[in-house]
Amino acid sequence: MKIATFNINGVNRRLDNLLDWLAEAQPDIVCLQELKAAQDAFPEEAIAAAGYDAAWVGQKSWNGVAILSRVGEPVVTRRSLPGDATDVQARYIEAAVAGILVASIYAPNGNPQPGAKFAYKLTWLERLRKHATTLRKSGAPIVLAGDYNVAPTDLDIYPTSSWDDDALIHPDSRAAYRKLVGRSWTDALRHRHPKERVYTFWHYKRMRWPRDAGLRLDHLLLSRNLRDRLVDSGVDRDVRGRDGASDHAPVWITLKDG
């Protein structure tokens, strides 16, 4: 089984890019982030024509997450992250698909920091950690996939000091990510590529794509009962270089049958 995560940065604006990648890569399950589309504006018909069922939480102009599947309709178990009933940002959806519990995650950016947005980011990541613990204790095989908006270590960002004040690499952001992963979750991409500079995001500004000045922000975390089923993980880098591309590239894993 192939599971992927892709911050599409506007699902309607980049629909052709998405459909081309789906046809080429043939992922079984896809987690999308940054739909930037209201609930009724999601391109359900085009996705269905490509062979995928979909579940999504939309939000006009901002945020938005989805789960696509060609191996059975996603059975939604959650459409928001628990822990704050007042939080209306569309950043989390969770569904059972083909015997695996999959979450599509779009964590807050947190800039500028310090400030309210950074405080929200840290609080949100702590809510995610608590919910992930609850999920893990269920014993289900789980994949937490998405844009975490954290480059966990210096290996996950090109050599530079220009991002030192950014929330994406702030020590508190990195600490929150480490606490989330702990000993119970496997960062699949880093597990397969322990010493490589592997990037998933290249900002549009300052020629960062041509210079390969990237960051690794998109992660797939596996519960312990999936770690031994992990066959491979990678990044479809070439998708980032196409006309009208998202500033993120798809990240994927392949799993042996359970």
C-alpha atoms as a PDB file:
ATOM      1  CA  MET A   1       0.000   0.000   0.000  1.00  0.00           C
ATOM      2  CA  LYS A   2       1.221   3.472  -0.906  1.00  0.00           C
ATOM      3  CA  ILE A   3       0.217   6.386   1.330  1.00  0.00           C
ATOM      4  CA  ALA A   4       1.164   9.970   0.522  1.00  0.00           C
ATOM      5  CA  THR A   5       0.821  13.453   1.936  1.00  0.00           C
ATOM      6  CA  PHE A   6       0.767  16.582  -0.211  1.00  0.00           C
ATOM      7  CA  ASN A   7       0.281  20.217   0.773  1.00  0.00           C
ATOM      8  CA  ILE A   8      -1.425  21.226  -2.468  1.00  0.00           C
ATOM      9  CA  ASN A   9      -1.562  24.981  -1.648  1.00  0.00           C
ATOM     10  CA  GLY A  10      -4.918  25.549  -3.348  1.00  0.00           C
ATOM     11  CA  VAL A  11      -6.684  22.420  -4.590  1.00  0.00           C
ATOM     12  CA  ASN A  12      -8.679  24.131  -7.342  1.00  0.00           C
ATOM     13  CA  ARG A  13      -5.855  26.343  -8.526  1.00  0.00           C
ATOM     14  CA  ARG A  14      -3.541  23.335  -8.776  1.00  0.00           C
ATOM     15  CA  LEU A  15      -6.063  20.670  -9.709  1.00  0.00           C
ATOM     16  CA  ASP A  16      -4.315  19.762 -12.962  1.00  0.00           C
ATOM     17  CA  ASN A  17      -1.036  19.320 -11.092  1.00  0.00           C
ATOM     18  CA  LEU A  18      -2.762  17.095  -8.547  1.00  0.00           C
ATOM     19  CA  LEU A  19      -4.517  14.951 -11.147  1.00  0.00           C
ATOM     20  CA  ASP A  20      -1.319  14.507 -13.172  1.00  0.00           C
ATOM     21  CA  TRP A  21       0.553  13.383 -10.065  1.00  0.00           C
ATOM     22  CA  LEU A  22      -2.217  10.989  -9.017  1.00  0.00           C
ATOM     23  CA  ALA A  23      -2.146   9.363 -12.457  1.00  0.00           C
ATOM     24  CA  GLU A  24       1.641   9.032 -12.397  1.00  0.00           C
ATOM     25  CA  ALA A  25       2.306   8.061  -8.776  1.00  0.00           C
ATOM     26  CA  GLN A  26      -0.812   5.936  -8.210  1.00  0.00           C
ATOM     27  CA  PRO A  27      -0.957   6.374  -4.418  1.00  0.00           C
ATOM     28  CA  ASP A  28      -3.619   4.331  -2.657  1.00  0.00           C
ATOM     29  CA  ILE A  29      -4.313   6.920   0.051  1.00  0.00           C
ATOM     30  CA  VAL A  30      -3.508  10.642  -0.104  1.00  0.00           C
ATOM     31  CA  CYS A  31      -3.661  13.256   2.636  1.00  0.00           C
ATOM     32  CA  LEU A  32      -4.020  16.796   1.282  1.00  0.00           C
ATOM     33  CA  GLN A  33      -3.488  20.072   3.125  1.00  0.00           C
ATOM     34  CA  GLU A  34      -4.100  23.742   2.409  1.00  0.00           C
ATOM     35  CA  LEU A  35      -7.127  23.131   0.213  1.00  0.00           C
ATOM     36  CA  LYS A  36      -7.981  26.848   0.376  1.00  0.00           C
ATOM     37  CA  ALA A  37     -11.528  25.973  -0.675  1.00  0.00           C
ATOM     38  CA  ALA A  38     -14.892  26.171   1.039  1.00  0.00           C
ATOM     39  CA  GLN A  39     -16.601  22.872   1.825  1.00  0.00           C
ATOM     40  CA  ASP A  40     -18.845  23.056  -1.256  1.00  0.00           C
ATOM     41  CA  ALA A  41     -15.987  24.130  -3.536  1.00  0.00           C
ATOM     42  CA  PHE A  42     -13.911  20.953  -3.234  1.00  0.00           C
ATOM     43  CA  PRO A  43     -13.469  19.331  -6.700  1.00  0.00           C
ATOM     44  CA  GLU A  44     -15.159  16.066  -5.725  1.00  0.00           C
ATOM     45  CA  GLU A  45     -16.217  15.127  -9.259  1.00  0.00           C
ATOM     46  CA  ALA A  46     -12.737  15.512 -10.739  1.00  0.00           C
ATOM     47  CA  ILE A  47     -11.220  13.526  -7.886  1.00  0.00           C
ATOM     48  CA  ALA A  48     -13.829  10.798  -8.348  1.00  0.00           C
ATOM     49  CA  ALA A  49     -13.135  10.673 -12.084  1.00  0.00           C
ATOM     50  CA  ALA A  50      -9.486  10.019 -11.192  1.00  0.00           C
ATOM     51  CA  GLY A  51     -10.620   6.966  -9.203  1.00  0.00           C
ATOM     52  CA  TYR A  52     -10.622   8.340  -5.666  1.00  0.00           C
ATOM     53  CA  ASP A  53     -13.222   8.623  -2.956  1.00  0.00           C
ATOM     54  CA  ALA A  54     -12.715  11.679  -0.767  1.00  0.00           C
ATOM     55  CA  ALA A  55     -13.502  13.105   2.647  1.00  0.00           C
ATOM     56  CA  TRP A  56     -12.589  16.685   3.437  1.00  0.00           C
ATOM     57  CA  VAL A  57     -13.003  19.674   5.705  1.00  0.00           C
ATOM     58  CA  GLY A  58     -12.923  22.883   3.721  1.00  0.00           C
ATOM     59  CA  GLN A  59     -12.457  26.518   4.689  1.00  0.00           C
ATOM     60  CA  LYS A  60     -12.779  29.472   2.365  1.00  0.00           C
ATOM     61  CA  SER A  61      -9.411  30.992   1.371  1.00  0.00           C
ATOM     62  CA  TRP A  62      -7.422  29.252   4.132  1.00  0.00           C
ATOM     63  CA  ASN A  63      -6.496  25.876   5.591  1.00  0.00           C
ATOM     64  CA  GLY A  64      -8.535  22.801   4.620  1.00  0.00           C
ATOM     65  CA  VAL A  65      -7.591  19.105   4.749  1.00  0.00           C
ATOM     66  CA  ALA A  66      -8.698  16.000   2.862  1.00  0.00           C
ATOM     67  CA  ILE A  67      -8.193  12.252   2.636  1.00  0.00           C
ATOM     68  CA  LEU A  68      -8.414  10.563  -0.774  1.00  0.00           C
ATOM     69  CA  SER A  69      -8.612   6.803  -1.254  1.00  0.00           C
ATOM     70  CA  ARG A  70      -8.785   4.375  -4.149  1.00  0.00           C
ATOM     71  CA  VAL A  71      -8.905   1.368  -1.788  1.00  0.00           C
ATOM     72  CA  GLY A  72     -12.283   1.997  -0.196  1.00  0.00           C
ATOM     73  CA  GLU A  73     -14.273   4.988   0.938  1.00  0.00           C
ATOM     74  CA  PRO A  74     -12.733   6.819   3.916  1.00  0.00           C
ATOM     75  CA  VAL A  75     -14.881   6.280   7.013  1.00  0.00           C
ATOM     76  CA  VAL A  76     -14.497   9.578   8.854  1.00  0.00           C
ATOM     77  CA  THR A  77     -13.879   9.320  12.595  1.00  0.00           C
ATOM     78  CA  ARG A  78     -13.024  12.987  13.266  1.00  0.00           C
ATOM     79  CA  ARG A  79     -13.284  16.289  11.419  1.00  0.00           C
ATOM     80  CA  SER A  80     -11.423  18.415  13.968  1.00  0.00           C
ATOM     81  CA  LEU A  81      -8.683  18.059  16.533  1.00  0.00           C
ATOM     82  CA  PRO A  82     -10.073  17.660  20.052  1.00  0.00           C
ATOM     83  CA  GLY A  83      -9.041  19.824  22.964  1.00  0.00           C
ATOM     84  CA  ASP A  84     -10.499  23.231  22.049  1.00  0.00           C
ATOM     85  CA  ALA A  85     -14.161  23.538  21.103  1.00  0.00           C
ATOM     86  CA  THR A  86     -13.620  27.165  20.036  1.00  0.00           C
ATOM     87  CA  ASP A  87     -11.030  26.312  17.369  1.00  0.00           C
ATOM     88  CA  VAL A  88     -12.745  26.564  13.968  1.00  0.00           C
ATOM     89  CA  GLN A  89      -9.669  26.305  11.752  1.00  0.00           C
ATOM     90  CA  ALA A  90      -9.885  23.387   9.292  1.00  0.00           C
ATOM     91  CA  ARG A  91      -6.637  21.620  10.119  1.00  0.00           C
ATOM     92  CA  TYR A  92      -7.472  17.997  10.923  1.00  0.00           C
ATOM     93  CA  ILE A  93      -9.457  15.111   9.486  1.00  0.00           C
ATOM     94  CA  GLU A  94      -9.211  11.445  10.462  1.00  0.00           C
ATOM     95  CA  ALA A  95     -10.643   8.366   8.767  1.00  0.00           C
ATOM     96  CA  ALA A  96     -10.426   4.589   8.677  1.00  0.00           C
ATOM     97  CA  VAL A  97      -9.261   3.377   5.275  1.00  0.00           C
ATOM     98  CA  ALA A  98      -8.454  -0.211   4.317  1.00  0.00           C
ATOM     99  CA  GLY A  99      -7.762  -1.246   7.905  1.00  0.00           C
ATOM    100  CA  ILE A 100      -5.577   1.754   8.795  1.00  0.00           C
ATOM    101  CA  LEU A 101      -6.521   4.885  10.710  1.00  0.00           C
ATOM    102  CA  VAL A 102      -5.219   7.859   8.726  1.00  0.00           C
ATOM    103  CA  ALA A 103      -5.106  11.514   9.767  1.00  0.00           C
ATOM    104  CA  SER A 104      -4.457  14.455   7.462  1.00  0.00           C
ATOM    105  CA  ILE A 105      -2.782  17.226   9.453  1.00  0.00           C
ATOM    106  CA  TYR A 106      -2.102  20.875   8.717  1.00  0.00           C
ATOM    107  CA  ALA A 107      -0.356  22.321  11.765  1.00  0.00           C
ATOM    108  CA  PRO A 108      -0.222  26.100  12.271  1.00  0.00           C
ATOM    109  CA  ASN A 109       2.694  28.018  10.805  1.00  0.00           C
ATOM    110  CA  GLY A 110       3.174  30.082  13.972  1.00  0.00           C
ATOM    111  CA  ASN A 111       4.710  33.218  12.481  1.00  0.00           C
ATOM    112  CA  PRO A 112       5.402  35.812  13.588  1.00  0.00           C
ATOM    113  CA  GLN A 113       6.912  34.718  16.848  1.00  0.00           C
ATOM    114  CA  PRO A 114       6.639  35.497  19.635  1.00  0.00           C
ATOM    115  CA  GLY A 115       2.949  36.254  19.632  1.00  0.00           C
ATOM    116  CA  ALA A 116      -0.546  34.796  19.548  1.00  0.00           C
ATOM    117  CA  LYS A 117       0.040  32.772  16.371  1.00  0.00           C
ATOM    118  CA  PHE A 118       3.093  31.086  17.829  1.00  0.00           C
ATOM    119  CA  ALA A 119       1.288  30.340  21.088  1.00  0.00           C
ATOM    120  CA  TYR A 120      -1.556  28.797  19.052  1.00  0.00           C
ATOM    121  CA  LYS A 121       0.940  26.627  17.157  1.00  0.00           C
ATOM    122  CA  LEU A 122       2.464  25.221  20.341  1.00  0.00           C
ATOM    123  CA  THR A 123      -0.924  24.651  21.940  1.00  0.00           C
ATOM    124  CA  TRP A 124      -2.175  22.938  18.774  1.00  0.00           C
ATOM    125  CA  LEU A 125       0.822  20.601  18.647  1.00  0.00           C
ATOM    126  CA  GLU A 126       0.274  19.679  22.293  1.00  0.00           C
ATOM    127  CA  ARG A 127      -3.389  18.920  21.541  1.00  0.00           C
ATOM    128  CA  LEU A 128      -2.195  16.719  18.673  1.00  0.00           C
ATOM    129  CA  ARG A 129       0.223  14.905  20.971  1.00  0.00           C
ATOM    130  CA  LYS A 130      -2.510  14.151  23.491  1.00  0.00           C
ATOM    131  CA  HIS A 131      -4.892  12.928  20.806  1.00  0.00           C
ATOM    132  CA  ALA A 132      -2.147  10.842  19.195  1.00  0.00           C
ATOM    133  CA  THR A 133      -1.603   9.138  22.554  1.00  0.00           C
ATOM    134  CA  THR A 134      -5.299   8.312  22.756  1.00  0.00           C
ATOM    135  CA  LEU A 135      -5.244   6.887  19.237  1.00  0.00           C
ATOM    136  CA  ARG A 136      -2.124   4.841  19.933  1.00  0.00           C
ATOM    137  CA  LYS A 137      -3.685   3.266  23.000  1.00  0.00           C
ATOM    138  CA  SER A 138      -6.525   1.974  20.816  1.00  0.00           C
ATOM    139  CA  GLY A 139      -4.090  -0.464  19.235  1.00  0.00           C
ATOM    140  CA  ALA A 140      -5.091   0.475  15.703  1.00  0.00           C
ATOM    141  CA  PRO A 141      -2.470   0.811  12.962  1.00  0.00           C
ATOM    142  CA  ILE A 142      -2.158   4.585  12.500  1.00  0.00           C
ATOM    143  CA  VAL A 143      -0.570   7.020  10.047  1.00  0.00           C
ATOM    144  CA  LEU A 144      -0.432  10.694  11.059  1.00  0.00           C
ATOM    145  CA  ALA A 145       0.401  12.458   7.796  1.00  0.00           C
ATOM    146  CA  GLY A 146       0.662  16.074   6.837  1.00  0.00           C
ATOM    147  CA  ASP A 147       2.362  19.422   6.958  1.00  0.00           C
ATOM    148  CA  TYR A 148       3.571  19.828  10.530  1.00  0.00           C
ATOM    149  CA  ASN A 149       5.207  23.198   9.828  1.00  0.00           C
ATOM    150  CA  VAL A 150       8.283  22.064  11.767  1.00  0.00           C
ATOM    151  CA  ALA A 151      11.739  21.303  10.393  1.00  0.00           C
ATOM    152  CA  PRO A 152      12.749  18.987  13.254  1.00  0.00           C
ATOM    153  CA  THR A 153      16.563  19.335  13.110  1.00  0.00           C
ATOM    154  CA  ASP A 154      19.277  21.262  11.316  1.00  0.00           C
ATOM    155  CA  LEU A 155      19.456  18.368   8.846  1.00  0.00           C
ATOM    156  CA  ASP A 156      15.919  19.297   7.773  1.00  0.00           C
ATOM    157  CA  ILE A 157      16.798  22.774   6.466  1.00  0.00           C
ATOM    158  CA  TYR A 158      19.426  23.933   4.008  1.00  0.00           C
ATOM    159  CA  PRO A 159      22.539  25.439   5.634  1.00  0.00           C
ATOM    160  CA  THR A 160      21.553  29.018   6.441  1.00  0.00           C
ATOM    161  CA  SER A 161      21.030  31.472   9.268  1.00  0.00           C
ATOM    162  CA  SER A 162      18.254  33.388   7.472  1.00  0.00           C
ATOM    163  CA  TRP A 163      15.480  31.346   9.145  1.00  0.00           C
ATOM    164  CA  ASP A 164      16.837  31.560  12.685  1.00  0.00           C
ATOM    165  CA  ASP A 165      13.911  33.644  13.952  1.00  0.00           C
ATOM    166  CA  ASP A 166      11.270  31.629  12.120  1.00  0.00           C
ATOM    167  CA  ALA A 167       8.632  29.576  13.937  1.00  0.00           C
ATOM    168  CA  LEU A 168       9.349  26.601  11.668  1.00  0.00           C
ATOM    169  CA  ILE A 169      12.712  25.957  13.308  1.00  0.00           C
ATOM    170  CA  HIS A 170      12.233  27.628  16.681  1.00  0.00           C
ATOM    171  CA  PRO A 171      13.547  25.480  19.559  1.00  0.00           C
ATOM    172  CA  ASP A 172      10.064  25.325  21.107  1.00  0.00           C
ATOM    173  CA  SER A 173       8.569  24.081  17.824  1.00  0.00           C
ATOM    174  CA  ARG A 174      11.242  21.429  17.526  1.00  0.00           C
ATOM    175  CA  ALA A 175      10.759  20.413  21.148  1.00  0.00           C
ATOM    176  CA  ALA A 176       7.016  20.048  20.581  1.00  0.00           C
ATOM    177  CA  TYR A 177       7.644  17.809  17.566  1.00  0.00           C
ATOM    178  CA  ARG A 178      10.138  15.658  19.486  1.00  0.00           C
ATOM    179  CA  LYS A 179       7.652  15.299  22.321  1.00  0.00           C
ATOM    180  CA  LEU A 180       4.957  14.249  19.871  1.00  0.00           C
ATOM    181  CA  VAL A 181       7.121  11.617  18.183  1.00  0.00           C
ATOM    182  CA  GLY A 182       8.632  10.365  21.449  1.00  0.00           C
ATOM    183  CA  ARG A 183       9.366   6.644  21.479  1.00  0.00           C
ATOM    184  CA  SER A 184       5.984   5.610  20.180  1.00  0.00           C
ATOM    185  CA  TRP A 185       5.958   6.993  16.632  1.00  0.00           C
ATOM    186  CA  THR A 186       8.284   6.506  13.672  1.00  0.00           C
ATOM    187  CA  ASP A 187       9.094   9.445  11.409  1.00  0.00           C
ATOM    188  CA  ALA A 188       9.001   7.351   8.227  1.00  0.00           C
ATOM    189  CA  LEU A 189      11.001   9.577   5.897  1.00  0.00           C
ATOM    190  CA  ARG A 190      13.785  10.143   8.416  1.00  0.00           C
ATOM    191  CA  HIS A 191      13.753   6.445   9.355  1.00  0.00           C
ATOM    192  CA  ARG A 192      14.450   5.487   5.735  1.00  0.00           C
ATOM    193  CA  HIS A 193      16.912   8.345   5.121  1.00  0.00           C
ATOM    194  CA  PRO A 194      18.614   8.867   8.489  1.00  0.00           C
ATOM    195  CA  LYS A 195      21.526  11.039   7.361  1.00  0.00           C
ATOM    196  CA  GLU A 196      20.322  12.680   4.143  1.00  0.00           C
ATOM    197  CA  ARG A 197      19.185  16.246   3.550  1.00  0.00           C
ATOM    198  CA  VAL A 198      15.712  15.455   2.284  1.00  0.00           C
ATOM    199  CA  TYR A 199      13.438  18.443   1.694  1.00  0.00           C
ATOM    200  CA  THR A 200       9.689  18.673   1.067  1.00  0.00           C
ATOM    201  CA  PHE A 201       9.154  22.457   0.836  1.00  0.00           C
ATOM    202  CA  TRP A 202      10.879  25.181  -1.147  1.00  0.00           C
ATOM    203  CA  HIS A 203       9.666  28.771  -0.708  1.00  0.00           C
ATOM    204  CA  TYR A 204       8.723  30.640  -3.880  1.00  0.00           C
ATOM    205  CA  LYS A 205      10.940  33.576  -2.978  1.00  0.00           C
ATOM    206  CA  ARG A 206      14.701  34.085  -3.477  1.00  0.00           C
ATOM    207  CA  MET A 207      15.155  31.287  -6.020  1.00  0.00           C
ATOM    208  CA  ARG A 208      14.951  28.705  -3.288  1.00  0.00           C
ATOM    209  CA  TRP A 209      13.748  25.916  -5.598  1.00  0.00           C
ATOM    210  CA  PRO A 210      16.519  26.343  -8.201  1.00  0.00           C
ATOM    211  CA  ARG A 211      19.047  26.573  -5.355  1.00  0.00           C
ATOM    212  CA  ASP A 212      17.597  23.525  -3.578  1.00  0.00           C
ATOM    213  CA  ALA A 213      17.192  25.709  -0.495  1.00  0.00           C
ATOM    214  CA  GLY A 214      14.501  23.581   1.090  1.00  0.00           C
ATOM    215  CA  LEU A 215      13.046  22.456   4.381  1.00  0.00           C
ATOM    216  CA  ARG A 216      11.494  19.175   5.508  1.00  0.00           C
ATOM    217  CA  LEU A 217       8.087  20.145   6.890  1.00  0.00           C
ATOM    218  CA  ASP A 218       5.889  17.266   5.713  1.00  0.00           C
ATOM    219  CA  HIS A 219       5.995  14.096   7.776  1.00  0.00           C
ATOM    220  CA  LEU A 220       4.323  10.706   8.028  1.00  0.00           C
ATOM    221  CA  LEU A 221       4.367   9.303  11.558  1.00  0.00           C
ATOM    222  CA  LEU A 222       3.684   5.598  11.981  1.00  0.00           C
ATOM    223  CA  SER A 223       2.417   3.795  15.049  1.00  0.00           C
ATOM    224  CA  ARG A 224       4.660   1.026  16.369  1.00  0.00           C
ATOM    225  CA  ASN A 225       2.529  -1.699  14.803  1.00  0.00           C
ATOM    226  CA  LEU A 226       3.227  -0.253  11.345  1.00  0.00           C
ATOM    227  CA  ARG A 227       6.967   0.275  11.667  1.00  0.00           C
ATOM    228  CA  ASP A 228       7.867  -3.264  10.601  1.00  0.00           C
ATOM    229  CA  ARG A 229       5.571  -2.940   7.592  1.00  0.00           C
ATOM    230  CA  LEU A 230       7.442   0.104   6.258  1.00  0.00           C
ATOM    231  CA  VAL A 231       9.126  -0.775   2.960  1.00  0.00           C
ATOM    232  CA  ASP A 232      10.199   2.608   1.668  1.00  0.00           C
ATOM    233  CA  SER A 233       9.607   6.354   1.850  1.00  0.00           C
ATOM    234  CA  GLY A 234      10.493   9.216  -0.449  1.00  0.00           C
ATOM    235  CA  VAL A 235       9.685  12.611  -1.942  1.00  0.00           C
ATOM    236  CA  ASP A 236       8.405  13.211  -5.476  1.00  0.00           C
ATOM    237  CA  ARG A 237      10.677  16.227  -5.895  1.00  0.00           C
ATOM    238  CA  ASP A 238      10.017  16.775  -9.586  1.00  0.00           C
ATOM    239  CA  VAL A 239       6.406  17.751  -8.866  1.00  0.00           C
ATOM    240  CA  ARG A 240       7.678  20.922  -7.169  1.00  0.00           C
ATOM    241  CA  GLY A 241       9.446  22.007 -10.365  1.00  0.00           C
ATOM    242  CA  ARG A 242       6.400  21.929 -12.625  1.00  0.00           C
ATOM    243  CA  ASP A 243       4.521  24.948 -13.941  1.00  0.00           C
ATOM    244  CA  GLY A 244       2.086  26.335 -11.372  1.00  0.00           C
ATOM    245  CA  ALA A 245       3.333  23.937  -8.696  1.00  0.00           C
ATOM    246  CA  SER A 246       2.669  24.016  -4.987  1.00  0.00           C
ATOM    247  CA  ASP A 247       5.636  25.078  -2.881  1.00  0.00           C
ATOM    248  CA  HIS A 248       5.534  21.576  -1.348  1.00  0.00           C
ATOM    249  CA  ALA A 249       6.266  18.213  -2.964  1.00  0.00           C
ATOM    250  CA  PRO A 250       4.384  14.984  -2.247  1.00  0.00           C
ATOM    251  CA  VAL A 251       5.889  12.673   0.366  1.00  0.00           C
ATOM    252  CA  TRP A 252       5.041   8.958   0.354  1.00  0.00           C
ATOM    253  CA  ILE A 253       5.513   5.646   2.091  1.00  0.00           C
ATOM    254  CA  THR A 254       4.937   2.077   0.996  1.00  0.00           C
ATOM    255  CA  LEU A 255       3.748  -0.552   3.467  1.00  0.00           C
ATOM    256  CA  LYS A 256       3.719  -4.331   3.294  1.00  0.00           C
ATOM    257  CA  ASP A 257       0.340  -5.984   3.648  1.00  0.00           C
ATOM    258  CA  GLY A 258      -0.601  -6.610   7.248  1.00  0.00           C
END
